[in-house]
Amino acid sequence: MIVAESSEFHSPGPGDFDFPPLFGEGTFFTKPILIIVLGTIAVGAFFYFAARRSTLVPGRLQFSGEAVYGFIRDGVARDTIGREGIKYVPYLVTLFGFIAVLNISGIIPVLQLPATSKIAIPLVLAIISWVIYNYVGIKRQGFGGYFKNMMFPPGVPKAIYPLLAPLEFFSTFLVRPVTLTLRLTFNMFAGHLVLLLTILGGEYLLFEYQGVAGIAAGSLSILFSIVLTFFEAFVQLLQAYVFVLLSAIYIGGALTHEH
């Protein structure tokens, strides 16, 4: 016989992403800021120690650092920007490492929050990429030439320019940073919310909802959350890659005359 639950289950929601100051009211140091600080230290320390004692036959740490660097250099910068892409590899590698660490923090015990689920963080990163690709475009083509080639690309019938020009301007200066921001934020927010639901729901069914059905459903939910955690790790790394890839594509496009 199944006994009714002893307490009501409250599903997770946006409120679970709000955190009070860690050191009392009036301070600004919250859990997301702590994760940003730890993530910055982790990325800096990883690449510092990976490159500190470089040898011809790399050790594990050096091999890992070179693997990340080589992946971004060959798979992102060179493929999307071309030969000039090597100049932007340090930024792209740092960007990838930083986003990946802040994303992965969502499945690390104790931290258990993807800091990039807070929209301010992806927004700042998107603005940095926005500044870089517009800066290199203006520097390469000149202020007037950059806007001309962006809004009035050659080879397009002039009759289309009245429609195309504002769309290109709107896309370059607003849509790109907004989509970069929202894509990362919503993926991290939704993924973490689903993880919370499966874990907390499974825990509730196991310990609060008595009976065979509750134990079976709760166990299934917990097992599913484990599988989902590995899938979420894949998505977290994928979203870091997508953010960096799009940033590189925008930089590459700004360096050419045809957008």
C-alpha atoms as a PDB file:
ATOM      1  CA  MET A   1       0.000   0.000   0.000  1.00  0.00           C
ATOM      2  CA  ILE A   2       1.324   3.422  -0.921  1.00  0.00           C
ATOM      3  CA  VAL A   3       1.271   6.084   1.754  1.00  0.00           C
ATOM      4  CA  ALA A   4       0.796   9.705   0.733  1.00  0.00           C
ATOM      5  CA  GLU A   5       3.773  11.971   0.844  1.00  0.00           C
ATOM      6  CA  SER A   6       4.617  13.587   4.166  1.00  0.00           C
ATOM      7  CA  SER A   7       5.449  16.963   2.684  1.00  0.00           C
ATOM      8  CA  GLU A   8       4.768  18.840  -0.508  1.00  0.00           C
ATOM      9  CA  PHE A   9       7.394  18.811  -3.248  1.00  0.00           C
ATOM     10  CA  HIS A  10       8.477  22.209  -4.502  1.00  0.00           C
ATOM     11  CA  SER A  11       9.980  22.019  -7.963  1.00  0.00           C
ATOM     12  CA  PRO A  12      13.140  24.064  -8.617  1.00  0.00           C
ATOM     13  CA  GLY A  13      12.802  27.337 -10.471  1.00  0.00           C
ATOM     14  CA  PRO A  14      14.571  30.631 -11.192  1.00  0.00           C
ATOM     15  CA  GLY A  15      14.711  31.348  -7.470  1.00  0.00           C
ATOM     16  CA  ASP A  16      17.285  28.578  -7.081  1.00  0.00           C
ATOM     17  CA  PHE A  17      19.728  30.712  -9.080  1.00  0.00           C
ATOM     18  CA  ASP A  18      19.553  33.612  -6.619  1.00  0.00           C
ATOM     19  CA  PHE A  19      22.163  33.547  -3.878  1.00  0.00           C
ATOM     20  CA  PRO A  20      22.602  35.781  -0.837  1.00  0.00           C
ATOM     21  CA  PRO A  21      25.977  37.411  -0.091  1.00  0.00           C
ATOM     22  CA  LEU A  22      28.433  34.929   1.399  1.00  0.00           C
ATOM     23  CA  PHE A  23      29.649  37.382   4.033  1.00  0.00           C
ATOM     24  CA  GLY A  24      26.389  38.907   5.157  1.00  0.00           C
ATOM     25  CA  GLU A  25      24.112  41.671   3.957  1.00  0.00           C
ATOM     26  CA  GLY A  26      25.736  44.696   2.389  1.00  0.00           C
ATOM     27  CA  THR A  27      28.486  42.716   0.669  1.00  0.00           C
ATOM     28  CA  PHE A  28      28.519  41.747  -3.002  1.00  0.00           C
ATOM     29  CA  PHE A  29      30.525  38.522  -2.830  1.00  0.00           C
ATOM     30  CA  THR A  30      28.013  35.847  -3.819  1.00  0.00           C
ATOM     31  CA  LYS A  31      28.433  32.251  -4.915  1.00  0.00           C
ATOM     32  CA  PRO A  32      28.623  33.099  -8.657  1.00  0.00           C
ATOM     33  CA  ILE A  33      31.387  35.630  -7.942  1.00  0.00           C
ATOM     34  CA  LEU A  34      33.241  33.004  -5.903  1.00  0.00           C
ATOM     35  CA  ILE A  35      33.030  30.613  -8.859  1.00  0.00           C
ATOM     36  CA  ILE A  36      34.355  33.325 -11.197  1.00  0.00           C
ATOM     37  CA  VAL A  37      37.325  33.944  -8.892  1.00  0.00           C
ATOM     38  CA  LEU A  38      38.066  30.240  -8.504  1.00  0.00           C
ATOM     39  CA  GLY A  39      37.614  29.677 -12.246  1.00  0.00           C
ATOM     40  CA  THR A  40      40.013  32.505 -13.098  1.00  0.00           C
ATOM     41  CA  ILE A  41      42.624  31.099 -10.720  1.00  0.00           C
ATOM     42  CA  ALA A  42      42.108  27.571 -12.064  1.00  0.00           C
ATOM     43  CA  VAL A  43      42.525  28.572 -15.728  1.00  0.00           C
ATOM     44  CA  GLY A  44      45.542  30.772 -15.001  1.00  0.00           C
ATOM     45  CA  ALA A  45      47.210  28.122 -12.845  1.00  0.00           C
ATOM     46  CA  PHE A  46      46.542  25.367 -15.390  1.00  0.00           C
ATOM     47  CA  PHE A  47      48.213  27.145 -18.299  1.00  0.00           C
ATOM     48  CA  TYR A  48      50.995  28.551 -16.109  1.00  0.00           C
ATOM     49  CA  PHE A  49      52.057  25.177 -14.755  1.00  0.00           C
ATOM     50  CA  ALA A  50      51.469  23.489 -18.119  1.00  0.00           C
ATOM     51  CA  ALA A  51      53.938  25.859 -19.796  1.00  0.00           C
ATOM     52  CA  ARG A  52      56.348  26.512 -16.925  1.00  0.00           C
ATOM     53  CA  ARG A  53      58.692  23.605 -17.588  1.00  0.00           C
ATOM     54  CA  SER A  54      58.163  22.713 -21.220  1.00  0.00           C
ATOM     55  CA  THR A  55      60.069  19.678 -22.425  1.00  0.00           C
ATOM     56  CA  LEU A  56      60.439  17.939 -25.767  1.00  0.00           C
ATOM     57  CA  VAL A  57      58.573  14.952 -24.356  1.00  0.00           C
ATOM     58  CA  PRO A  58      55.619  16.557 -22.554  1.00  0.00           C
ATOM     59  CA  GLY A  59      54.266  15.337 -19.264  1.00  0.00           C
ATOM     60  CA  ARG A  60      50.572  14.954 -18.594  1.00  0.00           C
ATOM     61  CA  LEU A  61      49.954  18.571 -17.643  1.00  0.00           C
ATOM     62  CA  GLN A  62      51.992  19.989 -20.518  1.00  0.00           C
ATOM     63  CA  PHE A  63      50.298  17.582 -22.929  1.00  0.00           C
ATOM     64  CA  SER A  64      46.866  18.692 -21.696  1.00  0.00           C
ATOM     65  CA  GLY A  65      47.747  22.366 -22.082  1.00  0.00           C
ATOM     66  CA  GLU A  66      49.161  21.820 -25.569  1.00  0.00           C
ATOM     67  CA  ALA A  67      46.103  19.788 -26.528  1.00  0.00           C
ATOM     68  CA  VAL A  68      43.721  22.597 -25.577  1.00  0.00           C
ATOM     69  CA  TYR A  69      45.912  25.215 -27.253  1.00  0.00           C
ATOM     70  CA  GLY A  70      46.351  23.134 -30.405  1.00  0.00           C
ATOM     71  CA  PHE A  71      42.655  22.371 -30.624  1.00  0.00           C
ATOM     72  CA  ILE A  72      41.667  26.041 -30.544  1.00  0.00           C
ATOM     73  CA  ARG A  73      44.564  27.115 -32.774  1.00  0.00           C
ATOM     74  CA  ASP A  74      44.005  24.519 -35.508  1.00  0.00           C
ATOM     75  CA  GLY A  75      40.310  23.739 -35.126  1.00  0.00           C
ATOM     76  CA  VAL A  76      39.027  27.261 -34.554  1.00  0.00           C
ATOM     77  CA  ALA A  77      41.465  30.100 -35.302  1.00  0.00           C
ATOM     78  CA  ARG A  78      43.076  28.770 -38.467  1.00  0.00           C
ATOM     79  CA  ASP A  79      39.925  27.204 -39.858  1.00  0.00           C
ATOM     80  CA  THR A  80      37.742  30.281 -39.389  1.00  0.00           C
ATOM     81  CA  ILE A  81      40.130  33.254 -39.488  1.00  0.00           C
ATOM     82  CA  GLY A  82      42.944  31.888 -41.644  1.00  0.00           C
ATOM     83  CA  ARG A  83      46.658  32.536 -41.335  1.00  0.00           C
ATOM     84  CA  GLU A  84      46.049  35.702 -39.326  1.00  0.00           C
ATOM     85  CA  GLY A  85      44.163  33.669 -36.767  1.00  0.00           C
ATOM     86  CA  ILE A  86      47.327  32.870 -34.848  1.00  0.00           C
ATOM     87  CA  LYS A  87      47.280  36.407 -33.405  1.00  0.00           C
ATOM     88  CA  TYR A  88      43.936  35.750 -31.759  1.00  0.00           C
ATOM     89  CA  VAL A  89      44.708  32.299 -30.362  1.00  0.00           C
ATOM     90  CA  PRO A  90      45.672  33.562 -26.857  1.00  0.00           C
ATOM     91  CA  TYR A  91      42.328  35.313 -26.512  1.00  0.00           C
ATOM     92  CA  LEU A  92      40.335  32.408 -27.921  1.00  0.00           C
ATOM     93  CA  VAL A  93      42.128  29.828 -25.751  1.00  0.00           C
ATOM     94  CA  THR A  94      41.604  31.940 -22.642  1.00  0.00           C
ATOM     95  CA  LEU A  95      37.960  32.484 -23.559  1.00  0.00           C
ATOM     96  CA  PHE A  96      37.390  28.776 -24.093  1.00  0.00           C
ATOM     97  CA  GLY A  97      39.099  27.770 -20.863  1.00  0.00           C
ATOM     98  CA  PHE A  98      37.271  30.377 -18.815  1.00  0.00           C
ATOM     99  CA  ILE A  99      33.819  29.532 -20.167  1.00  0.00           C
ATOM    100  CA  ALA A 100      34.451  25.779 -19.923  1.00  0.00           C
ATOM    101  CA  VAL A 101      35.447  26.048 -16.258  1.00  0.00           C
ATOM    102  CA  LEU A 102      32.490  28.270 -15.355  1.00  0.00           C
ATOM    103  CA  ASN A 103      30.166  25.865 -17.170  1.00  0.00           C
ATOM    104  CA  ILE A 104      31.628  22.729 -15.596  1.00  0.00           C
ATOM    105  CA  SER A 105      31.239  24.240 -12.138  1.00  0.00           C
ATOM    106  CA  GLY A 106      27.588  23.251 -12.473  1.00  0.00           C
ATOM    107  CA  ILE A 107      28.437  19.571 -11.926  1.00  0.00           C
ATOM    108  CA  ILE A 108      31.279  20.011  -9.431  1.00  0.00           C
ATOM    109  CA  PRO A 109      30.240  19.012  -5.885  1.00  0.00           C
ATOM    110  CA  VAL A 110      29.842  21.890  -3.414  1.00  0.00           C
ATOM    111  CA  LEU A 111      29.899  24.509  -6.200  1.00  0.00           C
ATOM    112  CA  GLN A 112      27.046  22.949  -8.190  1.00  0.00           C
ATOM    113  CA  LEU A 113      26.251  26.047 -10.208  1.00  0.00           C
ATOM    114  CA  PRO A 114      27.204  26.978 -13.774  1.00  0.00           C
ATOM    115  CA  ALA A 115      28.215  30.608 -13.241  1.00  0.00           C
ATOM    116  CA  THR A 116      27.378  31.309 -16.885  1.00  0.00           C
ATOM    117  CA  SER A 117      23.712  30.712 -16.081  1.00  0.00           C
ATOM    118  CA  LYS A 118      23.799  34.266 -14.688  1.00  0.00           C
ATOM    119  CA  ILE A 119      23.270  36.430 -17.761  1.00  0.00           C
ATOM    120  CA  ALA A 120      25.719  39.152 -16.713  1.00  0.00           C
ATOM    121  CA  ILE A 121      28.716  36.851 -17.203  1.00  0.00           C
ATOM    122  CA  PRO A 122      28.007  35.743 -20.804  1.00  0.00           C
ATOM    123  CA  LEU A 123      27.000  39.335 -21.586  1.00  0.00           C
ATOM    124  CA  VAL A 124      30.388  40.716 -20.518  1.00  0.00           C
ATOM    125  CA  LEU A 125      32.208  38.018 -22.510  1.00  0.00           C
ATOM    126  CA  ALA A 126      30.032  38.728 -25.557  1.00  0.00           C
ATOM    127  CA  ILE A 127      30.766  42.450 -25.281  1.00  0.00           C
ATOM    128  CA  ILE A 128      34.513  41.720 -25.194  1.00  0.00           C
ATOM    129  CA  SER A 129      34.235  39.684 -28.402  1.00  0.00           C
ATOM    130  CA  TRP A 130      32.014  42.417 -29.887  1.00  0.00           C
ATOM    131  CA  VAL A 131      34.633  45.075 -29.152  1.00  0.00           C
ATOM    132  CA  ILE A 132      37.436  42.943 -30.609  1.00  0.00           C
ATOM    133  CA  TYR A 133      35.797  42.055 -33.913  1.00  0.00           C
ATOM    134  CA  ASN A 134      34.571  45.602 -34.520  1.00  0.00           C
ATOM    135  CA  TYR A 135      37.966  47.022 -33.575  1.00  0.00           C
ATOM    136  CA  VAL A 136      39.914  44.747 -35.926  1.00  0.00           C
ATOM    137  CA  GLY A 137      37.407  45.430 -38.709  1.00  0.00           C
ATOM    138  CA  ILE A 138      37.720  49.203 -38.376  1.00  0.00           C
ATOM    139  CA  LYS A 139      41.490  48.957 -38.045  1.00  0.00           C
ATOM    140  CA  ARG A 140      41.768  46.825 -41.189  1.00  0.00           C
ATOM    141  CA  GLN A 141      39.246  48.571 -43.431  1.00  0.00           C
ATOM    142  CA  GLY A 142      39.012  52.034 -41.922  1.00  0.00           C
ATOM    143  CA  PHE A 143      35.932  53.417 -40.179  1.00  0.00           C
ATOM    144  CA  GLY A 144      34.027  54.281 -43.343  1.00  0.00           C
ATOM    145  CA  GLY A 145      35.202  51.232 -45.256  1.00  0.00           C
ATOM    146  CA  TYR A 146      34.151  48.884 -42.457  1.00  0.00           C
ATOM    147  CA  PHE A 147      30.606  50.222 -42.338  1.00  0.00           C
ATOM    148  CA  LYS A 148      30.386  50.413 -46.116  1.00  0.00           C
ATOM    149  CA  ASN A 149      31.470  46.827 -46.671  1.00  0.00           C
ATOM    150  CA  MET A 150      29.280  45.646 -43.806  1.00  0.00           C
ATOM    151  CA  MET A 151      26.094  47.398 -44.887  1.00  0.00           C
ATOM    152  CA  PHE A 152      26.614  47.502 -48.661  1.00  0.00           C
ATOM    153  CA  PRO A 153      28.448  44.298 -49.613  1.00  0.00           C
ATOM    154  CA  PRO A 154      29.639  44.165 -53.245  1.00  0.00           C
ATOM    155  CA  GLY A 155      27.923  41.841 -55.683  1.00  0.00           C
ATOM    156  CA  VAL A 156      24.467  42.486 -54.251  1.00  0.00           C
ATOM    157  CA  PRO A 157      21.823  44.254 -56.384  1.00  0.00           C
ATOM    158  CA  LYS A 158      21.558  47.871 -55.298  1.00  0.00           C
ATOM    159  CA  ALA A 159      17.792  47.618 -55.088  1.00  0.00           C
ATOM    160  CA  ILE A 160      18.210  45.344 -52.075  1.00  0.00           C
ATOM    161  CA  TYR A 161      20.463  47.761 -50.172  1.00  0.00           C
ATOM    162  CA  PRO A 162      17.601  49.684 -48.455  1.00  0.00           C
ATOM    163  CA  LEU A 163      16.506  46.410 -46.877  1.00  0.00           C
ATOM    164  CA  LEU A 164      19.916  44.776 -46.447  1.00  0.00           C
ATOM    165  CA  ALA A 165      21.839  47.717 -44.969  1.00  0.00           C
ATOM    166  CA  PRO A 166      19.790  48.143 -41.748  1.00  0.00           C
ATOM    167  CA  LEU A 167      19.593  44.362 -41.312  1.00  0.00           C
ATOM    168  CA  GLU A 168      23.383  44.002 -41.548  1.00  0.00           C
ATOM    169  CA  PHE A 169      23.918  46.896 -39.161  1.00  0.00           C
ATOM    170  CA  PHE A 170      21.365  45.525 -36.725  1.00  0.00           C
ATOM    171  CA  SER A 171      22.878  42.031 -36.956  1.00  0.00           C
ATOM    172  CA  THR A 172      26.467  43.136 -36.404  1.00  0.00           C
ATOM    173  CA  PHE A 173      25.876  45.577 -33.585  1.00  0.00           C
ATOM    174  CA  LEU A 174      22.997  44.003 -31.675  1.00  0.00           C
ATOM    175  CA  VAL A 175      21.992  40.505 -32.774  1.00  0.00           C
ATOM    176  CA  ARG A 176      25.461  38.952 -32.545  1.00  0.00           C
ATOM    177  CA  PRO A 177      26.250  39.917 -28.936  1.00  0.00           C
ATOM    178  CA  VAL A 178      22.679  39.207 -27.855  1.00  0.00           C
ATOM    179  CA  THR A 179      22.622  35.730 -29.398  1.00  0.00           C
ATOM    180  CA  LEU A 180      26.068  34.940 -27.988  1.00  0.00           C
ATOM    181  CA  THR A 181      24.797  35.926 -24.556  1.00  0.00           C
ATOM    182  CA  LEU A 182      21.414  34.213 -24.641  1.00  0.00           C
ATOM    183  CA  ARG A 183      22.612  30.963 -26.229  1.00  0.00           C
ATOM    184  CA  LEU A 184      25.127  30.332 -23.457  1.00  0.00           C
ATOM    185  CA  THR A 185      22.934  31.609 -20.629  1.00  0.00           C
ATOM    186  CA  PHE A 186      19.810  29.657 -21.543  1.00  0.00           C
ATOM    187  CA  ASN A 187      21.660  26.409 -22.218  1.00  0.00           C
ATOM    188  CA  MET A 188      23.360  26.538 -18.830  1.00  0.00           C
ATOM    189  CA  PHE A 189      20.204  27.684 -17.048  1.00  0.00           C
ATOM    190  CA  ALA A 190      17.973  25.009 -18.588  1.00  0.00           C
ATOM    191  CA  GLY A 191      20.485  22.199 -18.176  1.00  0.00           C
ATOM    192  CA  HIS A 192      21.077  22.966 -14.524  1.00  0.00           C
ATOM    193  CA  LEU A 193      17.353  23.307 -13.877  1.00  0.00           C
ATOM    194  CA  VAL A 194      16.693  19.846 -15.330  1.00  0.00           C
ATOM    195  CA  LEU A 195      19.500  18.385 -13.206  1.00  0.00           C
ATOM    196  CA  LEU A 196      18.015  19.974 -10.095  1.00  0.00           C
ATOM    197  CA  LEU A 197      14.600  18.586 -10.948  1.00  0.00           C
ATOM    198  CA  THR A 198      15.786  14.998 -11.425  1.00  0.00           C
ATOM    199  CA  ILE A 199      18.023  14.998  -8.340  1.00  0.00           C
ATOM    200  CA  LEU A 200      15.651  16.749  -5.947  1.00  0.00           C
ATOM    201  CA  GLY A 201      12.649  14.885  -7.346  1.00  0.00           C
ATOM    202  CA  GLY A 202      14.429  11.551  -6.940  1.00  0.00           C
ATOM    203  CA  GLU A 203      15.462  12.415  -3.396  1.00  0.00           C
ATOM    204  CA  TYR A 204      11.902  13.409  -2.540  1.00  0.00           C
ATOM    205  CA  LEU A 205      10.445  10.184  -3.928  1.00  0.00           C
ATOM    206  CA  LEU A 206      12.990   8.057  -2.075  1.00  0.00           C
ATOM    207  CA  PHE A 207      12.759   9.653   1.346  1.00  0.00           C
ATOM    208  CA  GLU A 208       9.421  11.458   1.512  1.00  0.00           C
ATOM    209  CA  TYR A 209       7.064   9.481  -0.697  1.00  0.00           C
ATOM    210  CA  GLN A 210       6.828   6.064   0.974  1.00  0.00           C
ATOM    211  CA  GLY A 211       6.030   2.837  -0.815  1.00  0.00           C
ATOM    212  CA  VAL A 212       7.333   0.656  -3.610  1.00  0.00           C
ATOM    213  CA  ALA A 213       6.292   3.087  -6.310  1.00  0.00           C
ATOM    214  CA  GLY A 214       8.129   5.960  -4.633  1.00  0.00           C
ATOM    215  CA  ILE A 215      11.320   3.938  -4.188  1.00  0.00           C
ATOM    216  CA  ALA A 216      11.226   2.696  -7.787  1.00  0.00           C
ATOM    217  CA  ALA A 217      10.501   6.114  -9.278  1.00  0.00           C
ATOM    218  CA  GLY A 218      13.032   7.814  -7.032  1.00  0.00           C
ATOM    219  CA  SER A 219      15.764   5.315  -7.885  1.00  0.00           C
ATOM    220  CA  LEU A 220      15.044   5.714 -11.586  1.00  0.00           C
ATOM    221  CA  SER A 221      15.195   9.497 -11.264  1.00  0.00           C
ATOM    222  CA  ILE A 222      18.547   9.368  -9.442  1.00  0.00           C
ATOM    223  CA  LEU A 223      19.998   6.997 -12.056  1.00  0.00           C
ATOM    224  CA  PHE A 224      18.743   9.259 -14.819  1.00  0.00           C
ATOM    225  CA  SER A 225      20.347  12.272 -13.114  1.00  0.00           C
ATOM    226  CA  ILE A 226      23.725  10.491 -13.228  1.00  0.00           C
ATOM    227  CA  VAL A 227      23.384   9.897 -16.967  1.00  0.00           C
ATOM    228  CA  LEU A 228      22.153  13.449 -17.391  1.00  0.00           C
ATOM    229  CA  THR A 229      25.198  14.782 -15.523  1.00  0.00           C
ATOM    230  CA  PHE A 230      27.549  13.275 -18.112  1.00  0.00           C
ATOM    231  CA  PHE A 231      25.388  14.637 -20.921  1.00  0.00           C
ATOM    232  CA  GLU A 232      25.365  18.049 -19.273  1.00  0.00           C
ATOM    233  CA  ALA A 233      29.180  17.989 -19.085  1.00  0.00           C
ATOM    234  CA  PHE A 234      29.244  17.395 -22.837  1.00  0.00           C
ATOM    235  CA  VAL A 235      26.833  20.282 -23.432  1.00  0.00           C
ATOM    236  CA  GLN A 236      28.864  22.562 -21.162  1.00  0.00           C
ATOM    237  CA  LEU A 237      32.054  21.947 -23.135  1.00  0.00           C
ATOM    238  CA  LEU A 238      30.159  22.180 -26.415  1.00  0.00           C
ATOM    239  CA  GLN A 239      28.694  25.568 -25.520  1.00  0.00           C
ATOM    240  CA  ALA A 240      32.150  26.875 -24.608  1.00  0.00           C
ATOM    241  CA  TYR A 241      33.350  25.728 -28.025  1.00  0.00           C
ATOM    242  CA  VAL A 242      30.367  27.285 -29.831  1.00  0.00           C
ATOM    243  CA  PHE A 243      30.897  30.630 -28.104  1.00  0.00           C
ATOM    244  CA  VAL A 244      34.576  30.669 -29.080  1.00  0.00           C
ATOM    245  CA  LEU A 245      33.864  29.443 -32.610  1.00  0.00           C
ATOM    246  CA  LEU A 246      31.320  32.182 -33.257  1.00  0.00           C
ATOM    247  CA  SER A 247      33.669  34.806 -31.807  1.00  0.00           C
ATOM    248  CA  ALA A 248      36.382  33.603 -34.212  1.00  0.00           C
ATOM    249  CA  ILE A 249      33.958  33.661 -37.146  1.00  0.00           C
ATOM    250  CA  TYR A 250      33.010  37.259 -36.348  1.00  0.00           C
ATOM    251  CA  ILE A 251      36.673  38.256 -36.104  1.00  0.00           C
ATOM    252  CA  GLY A 252      37.423  36.525 -39.399  1.00  0.00           C
ATOM    253  CA  GLY A 253      34.475  38.248 -41.074  1.00  0.00           C
ATOM    254  CA  ALA A 254      35.582  41.651 -39.809  1.00  0.00           C
ATOM    255  CA  LEU A 255      39.020  41.154 -41.367  1.00  0.00           C
ATOM    256  CA  THR A 256      37.610  40.581 -44.839  1.00  0.00           C
ATOM    257  CA  HIS A 257      35.923  43.057 -47.143  1.00  0.00           C
ATOM    258  CA  GLU A 258      32.967  40.792 -47.855  1.00  0.00           C
ATOM    259  CA  HIS A 259      30.809  39.891 -44.851  1.00  0.00           C
END
